[in-house]
Amino acid sequence: PPPFTGIWMGDSKLCAIGVHCGNYITSHGLALNCCTDLTWFDHIIPCGLEGKGVTSLSHELGRHITVDHVLEPFLDSFQEVFDCTLVFSEDPG
């Protein structure tokens, strides 16, 4: 439950999720830490939560995990969980 949304490994957040509503527009997203340099989080209080940390797949698994490693299985799982078909466009605009 809030404020502990996302995916947690013990007291460390692995994936943040968020929703923003404003000016009649709703946006949402997530940030899955794959091989993030975790030292950057030493300078802030992540998500405003005192005493909580941030982790990554690489840190938890003890080997280098890139976005390319997780992208396809993540998208496959997303389609399965949300019972949808993702459509990809070559044009990012």
Protein backbone atom coordinates (compact mmCIF):
# COMPACT_ATOMS: atom_id res chain seq x y z
CA PRO A 1 0.00 0.00 0.00
CA PRO A 2 1.09 3.63 -0.45
CA PRO A 3 3.65 4.91 0.09
CA PHE A 4 5.19 1.49 -0.53
CA THR A 5 3.98 1.06 -4.11
CA GLY A 6 6.26 -0.64 -6.59
CA ILE A 7 8.30 -3.80 -6.30
CA TRP A 8 10.38 -4.29 -3.17
CA MET A 9 13.19 -6.61 -2.15
CA GLY A 10 13.13 -6.35 1.63
CA ASP A 11 13.59 -2.66 2.49
CA SER A 12 14.87 -1.73 -0.98
CA LYS A 13 12.78 -0.67 -3.95
CA LEU A 14 13.51 -2.51 -7.20
CA CYS A 15 10.81 -0.96 -9.39
CA ALA A 16 8.91 2.29 -9.02
CA ILE A 17 5.47 2.85 -10.51
CA GLY A 18 3.60 6.09 -10.82
CA VAL A 19 0.58 7.89 -12.15
CA HIS A 20 0.28 11.61 -12.84
CA CYS A 21 -2.94 13.45 -13.57
CA GLY A 22 -3.04 17.05 -14.69
CA ASN A 23 -4.53 19.34 -17.33
CA TYR A 24 -7.00 16.61 -18.35
CA ILE A 25 -4.13 14.25 -19.17
CA THR A 26 -3.22 11.07 -17.31
CA SER A 27 0.23 9.57 -17.69
CA HIS A 28 1.76 6.56 -16.03
CA GLY A 29 4.99 4.65 -16.03
CA LEU A 30 7.48 2.49 -14.27
CA ALA A 31 11.19 2.36 -13.65
CA LEU A 32 12.75 -1.08 -13.26
CA ASN A 33 16.31 -0.84 -12.01
CA CYS A 34 18.36 -3.27 -14.10
CA CYS A 35 21.98 -2.15 -13.89
CA THR A 36 21.51 1.25 -12.30
CA ASP A 37 24.43 2.94 -10.56
CA LEU A 38 22.95 2.81 -7.07
CA THR A 39 25.45 5.31 -5.62
CA TRP A 40 23.32 8.15 -7.02
CA PHE A 41 20.67 7.25 -4.44
CA ASP A 42 23.14 7.98 -1.62
CA HIS A 43 22.47 11.70 -2.20
CA ILE A 44 18.67 11.64 -1.85
CA ILE A 45 15.89 10.07 0.16
CA PRO A 46 14.42 7.81 -2.54
CA CYS A 47 10.67 8.27 -2.94
CA GLY A 48 10.77 10.38 0.23
CA LEU A 49 10.94 7.24 2.38
CA GLU A 50 13.39 7.52 5.28
CA GLY A 51 15.26 4.32 6.07
CA LYS A 52 14.42 2.62 2.77
CA GLY A 53 16.85 1.88 -0.02
CA VAL A 54 16.98 1.18 -3.72
CA THR A 55 18.26 -1.96 -5.39
CA SER A 56 18.67 -3.35 -8.90
CA LEU A 57 18.34 -6.69 -10.64
CA SER A 58 22.13 -6.72 -11.13
CA HIS A 59 22.73 -6.17 -7.42
CA GLU A 60 20.19 -8.77 -6.32
CA LEU A 61 21.30 -11.44 -8.78
CA GLY A 62 25.02 -10.74 -8.45
CA ARG A 63 25.57 -10.41 -12.20
CA HIS A 64 25.18 -7.72 -14.84
CA ILE A 65 21.56 -7.52 -16.06
CA THR A 66 20.83 -5.00 -18.81
CA VAL A 67 17.52 -3.62 -20.08
CA ASP A 68 18.03 -5.76 -23.20
CA HIS A 69 18.06 -8.86 -20.96
CA VAL A 70 14.66 -8.10 -19.43
CA LEU A 71 12.78 -6.21 -22.14
CA GLU A 72 11.32 -9.14 -24.08
CA PRO A 73 10.28 -11.23 -21.04
CA PHE A 74 8.86 -8.09 -19.40
CA LEU A 75 6.77 -7.21 -22.44
CA ASP A 76 5.59 -10.82 -22.79
CA SER A 77 4.48 -10.83 -19.15
CA PHE A 78 2.81 -7.43 -19.55
CA GLN A 79 0.73 -8.74 -22.46
CA GLU A 80 -0.24 -11.85 -20.50
CA VAL A 81 -1.18 -10.03 -17.28
CA PHE A 82 -3.15 -7.26 -19.01
CA ASP A 83 -4.58 -9.57 -21.71
CA CYS A 84 -3.52 -7.24 -24.50
CA THR A 85 -1.43 -7.09 -27.64
CA LEU A 86 1.34 -4.52 -27.79
CA VAL A 87 1.77 -2.65 -31.06
CA PHE A 88 5.19 -1.27 -31.91
CA SER A 89 5.89 1.65 -34.18
CA GLU A 90 9.17 2.40 -35.92
CA ASP A 91 8.33 6.09 -35.64
CA PRO A 92 8.84 7.23 -32.01
CA GLY A 93 6.72 10.34 -32.71
